[in-house]
Amino acid sequence: MPYQENLKTKCPETLPRINGKTGTDIAGALLIYQDIYPQCAARHNALVNEINKRESVLNGNH
């Protein structure tokens, strides 16, 4: 059975850089990270769970 397409989507490889030393500079980057991280982490965790489930079935441990 093929993997779901959304589980095969890579997370961004390039993240925003902090372009200054002020709180505003840091906050801008953190807001973008806040949007990216949950989607990427949820996708990654779902993929790991799916792989573990398939390995368990293949090894007869279901």
N, C-alpha and C. Protein backbone atom coordinates (compact mmCIF):
# COMPACT_ATOMS: atom_id res chain seq x y z
N MET A 1 0.85 -1.17 0.00
CA MET A 1 0.00 0.00 0.00
C MET A 1 0.90 1.24 0.00
N PRO A 2 0.64 2.18 -0.90
CA PRO A 2 1.47 3.39 -0.95
C PRO A 2 1.22 4.31 0.25
N TYR A 3 2.23 5.09 0.55
CA TYR A 3 2.10 6.10 1.60
C TYR A 3 1.23 7.25 1.11
N GLN A 4 0.55 7.91 2.04
CA GLN A 4 -0.24 9.09 1.69
C GLN A 4 0.70 10.18 1.19
N GLU A 5 0.27 10.92 0.20
CA GLU A 5 1.11 11.96 -0.39
C GLU A 5 1.53 13.01 0.63
N ASN A 6 0.63 13.37 1.56
CA ASN A 6 1.00 14.41 2.53
C ASN A 6 2.10 13.93 3.46
N LEU A 7 2.25 12.61 3.65
CA LEU A 7 3.33 12.10 4.49
C LEU A 7 4.66 12.11 3.76
N LYS A 8 4.62 12.26 2.45
CA LYS A 8 5.86 12.29 1.66
C LYS A 8 6.32 13.71 1.36
N THR A 9 5.63 14.70 1.92
CA THR A 9 5.98 16.10 1.71
C THR A 9 7.09 16.50 2.68
N LYS A 10 8.17 17.02 2.15
CA LYS A 10 9.29 17.44 2.99
C LYS A 10 8.99 18.75 3.69
N CYS A 11 9.59 18.90 4.85
CA CYS A 11 9.52 20.17 5.57
C CYS A 11 10.46 21.17 4.89
N PRO A 12 10.25 22.46 5.09
CA PRO A 12 11.13 23.45 4.48
C PRO A 12 12.58 23.26 4.93
N GLU A 13 13.49 23.33 4.00
CA GLU A 13 14.90 23.20 4.33
C GLU A 13 15.52 24.54 4.68
N THR A 14 14.91 25.60 4.22
CA THR A 14 15.42 26.93 4.49
C THR A 14 14.44 27.63 5.44
N LEU A 15 14.92 27.98 6.58
CA LEU A 15 14.10 28.69 7.56
C LEU A 15 14.52 30.15 7.60
N PRO A 16 13.62 31.01 8.02
CA PRO A 16 13.95 32.44 8.07
C PRO A 16 15.07 32.72 9.05
N ARG A 17 15.89 33.66 8.71
CA ARG A 17 16.99 34.08 9.56
C ARG A 17 16.57 35.27 10.40
N ILE A 18 17.18 35.37 11.55
CA ILE A 18 16.97 36.54 12.40
C ILE A 18 17.90 37.62 11.86
N ASN A 19 17.31 38.74 11.45
CA ASN A 19 18.09 39.77 10.75
C ASN A 19 18.48 40.94 11.63
N GLY A 20 18.46 40.77 12.91
CA GLY A 20 18.83 41.87 13.79
C GLY A 20 18.93 41.40 15.22
N LYS A 21 19.06 42.35 16.11
CA LYS A 21 19.25 42.02 17.52
C LYS A 21 18.10 42.48 18.40
N THR A 22 17.05 42.95 17.77
CA THR A 22 15.93 43.47 18.57
C THR A 22 14.88 42.38 18.78
N GLY A 23 14.03 42.62 19.73
CA GLY A 23 12.93 41.69 19.99
C GLY A 23 12.02 41.55 18.79
N THR A 24 11.82 42.62 18.05
CA THR A 24 10.98 42.59 16.86
C THR A 24 11.59 41.69 15.79
N ASP A 25 12.91 41.74 15.64
CA ASP A 25 13.59 40.88 14.67
C ASP A 25 13.40 39.41 15.03
N ILE A 26 13.56 39.11 16.29
CA ILE A 26 13.43 37.73 16.76
C ILE A 26 11.97 37.28 16.67
N ALA A 27 11.04 38.14 17.06
CA ALA A 27 9.63 37.79 17.04
C ALA A 27 9.15 37.47 15.63
N GLY A 28 9.63 38.21 14.65
CA GLY A 28 9.22 37.95 13.26
C GLY A 28 9.59 36.55 12.82
N ALA A 29 10.82 36.15 13.10
CA ALA A 29 11.27 34.80 12.73
C ALA A 29 10.51 33.75 13.53
N LEU A 30 10.30 33.99 14.81
CA LEU A 30 9.61 33.01 15.65
C LEU A 30 8.15 32.81 15.21
N LEU A 31 7.51 33.84 14.73
CA LEU A 31 6.14 33.69 14.24
C LEU A 31 6.09 32.77 13.01
N ILE A 32 7.08 32.89 12.17
CA ILE A 32 7.14 32.01 10.99
C ILE A 32 7.43 30.58 11.44
N TYR A 33 8.37 30.40 12.37
CA TYR A 33 8.66 29.06 12.91
C TYR A 33 7.41 28.46 13.53
N GLN A 34 6.64 29.29 14.23
CA GLN A 34 5.42 28.84 14.89
C GLN A 34 4.42 28.28 13.87
N ASP A 35 4.40 28.83 12.68
CA ASP A 35 3.51 28.34 11.63
C ASP A 35 4.03 27.07 10.97
N ILE A 36 5.34 26.96 10.83
CA ILE A 36 5.95 25.83 10.12
C ILE A 36 6.03 24.59 11.00
N TYR A 37 6.45 24.73 12.25
CA TYR A 37 6.76 23.58 13.09
C TYR A 37 5.59 22.61 13.30
N PRO A 38 4.40 23.06 13.69
CA PRO A 38 3.33 22.09 13.96
C PRO A 38 2.98 21.22 12.75
N GLN A 39 2.95 21.82 11.57
CA GLN A 39 2.63 21.06 10.36
C GLN A 39 3.71 20.03 10.07
N CYS A 40 4.96 20.44 10.17
CA CYS A 40 6.06 19.54 9.88
C CYS A 40 6.15 18.43 10.93
N ALA A 41 6.01 18.78 12.20
CA ALA A 41 6.10 17.78 13.27
C ALA A 41 4.95 16.78 13.17
N ALA A 42 3.75 17.25 12.90
CA ALA A 42 2.60 16.35 12.78
C ALA A 42 2.79 15.39 11.61
N ARG A 43 3.26 15.91 10.49
CA ARG A 43 3.50 15.08 9.31
C ARG A 43 4.58 14.05 9.61
N HIS A 44 5.66 14.47 10.23
CA HIS A 44 6.76 13.57 10.54
C HIS A 44 6.31 12.49 11.51
N ASN A 45 5.60 12.87 12.56
CA ASN A 45 5.12 11.89 13.53
C ASN A 45 4.16 10.89 12.90
N ALA A 46 3.27 11.36 12.01
CA ALA A 46 2.35 10.46 11.33
C ALA A 46 3.10 9.48 10.44
N LEU A 47 4.15 9.95 9.78
CA LEU A 47 4.95 9.07 8.94
C LEU A 47 5.66 8.02 9.77
N VAL A 48 6.24 8.42 10.87
CA VAL A 48 6.92 7.47 11.76
C VAL A 48 5.93 6.43 12.28
N ASN A 49 4.74 6.87 12.68
CA ASN A 49 3.71 5.94 13.15
C ASN A 49 3.32 4.95 12.05
N GLU A 50 3.15 5.44 10.84
CA GLU A 50 2.78 4.58 9.72
C GLU A 50 3.87 3.56 9.41
N ILE A 51 5.10 3.99 9.40
CA ILE A 51 6.22 3.06 9.15
C ILE A 51 6.29 2.01 10.25
N ASN A 52 6.16 2.44 11.51
CA ASN A 52 6.19 1.48 12.62
C ASN A 52 5.05 0.48 12.52
N LYS A 53 3.87 0.96 12.15
CA LYS A 53 2.71 0.08 12.02
C LYS A 53 2.95 -0.96 10.91
N ARG A 54 3.48 -0.51 9.78
CA ARG A 54 3.75 -1.43 8.67
C ARG A 54 4.82 -2.44 9.04
N GLU A 55 5.86 -2.00 9.73
CA GLU A 55 6.91 -2.93 10.15
C GLU A 55 6.34 -3.96 11.12
N SER A 56 5.45 -3.53 12.00
CA SER A 56 4.85 -4.43 12.96
C SER A 56 4.02 -5.50 12.24
N VAL A 57 3.26 -5.09 11.25
CA VAL A 57 2.45 -6.04 10.48
C VAL A 57 3.36 -7.01 9.71
N LEU A 58 4.39 -6.48 9.09
CA LEU A 58 5.31 -7.32 8.33
C LEU A 58 6.04 -8.34 9.21
N ASN A 59 6.31 -7.94 10.45
CA ASN A 59 7.01 -8.83 11.37
C ASN A 59 6.06 -9.71 12.16
N GLY A 60 4.75 -9.61 11.89
CA GLY A 60 3.77 -10.44 12.58
C GLY A 60 3.50 -10.02 14.00
N ASN A 61 3.76 -8.76 14.34
CA ASN A 61 3.54 -8.26 15.70
C ASN A 61 2.30 -7.41 15.82
N HIS A 62 1.35 -7.56 14.92
CA HIS A 62 0.17 -6.70 14.96
C HIS A 62 -0.76 -7.25 15.98
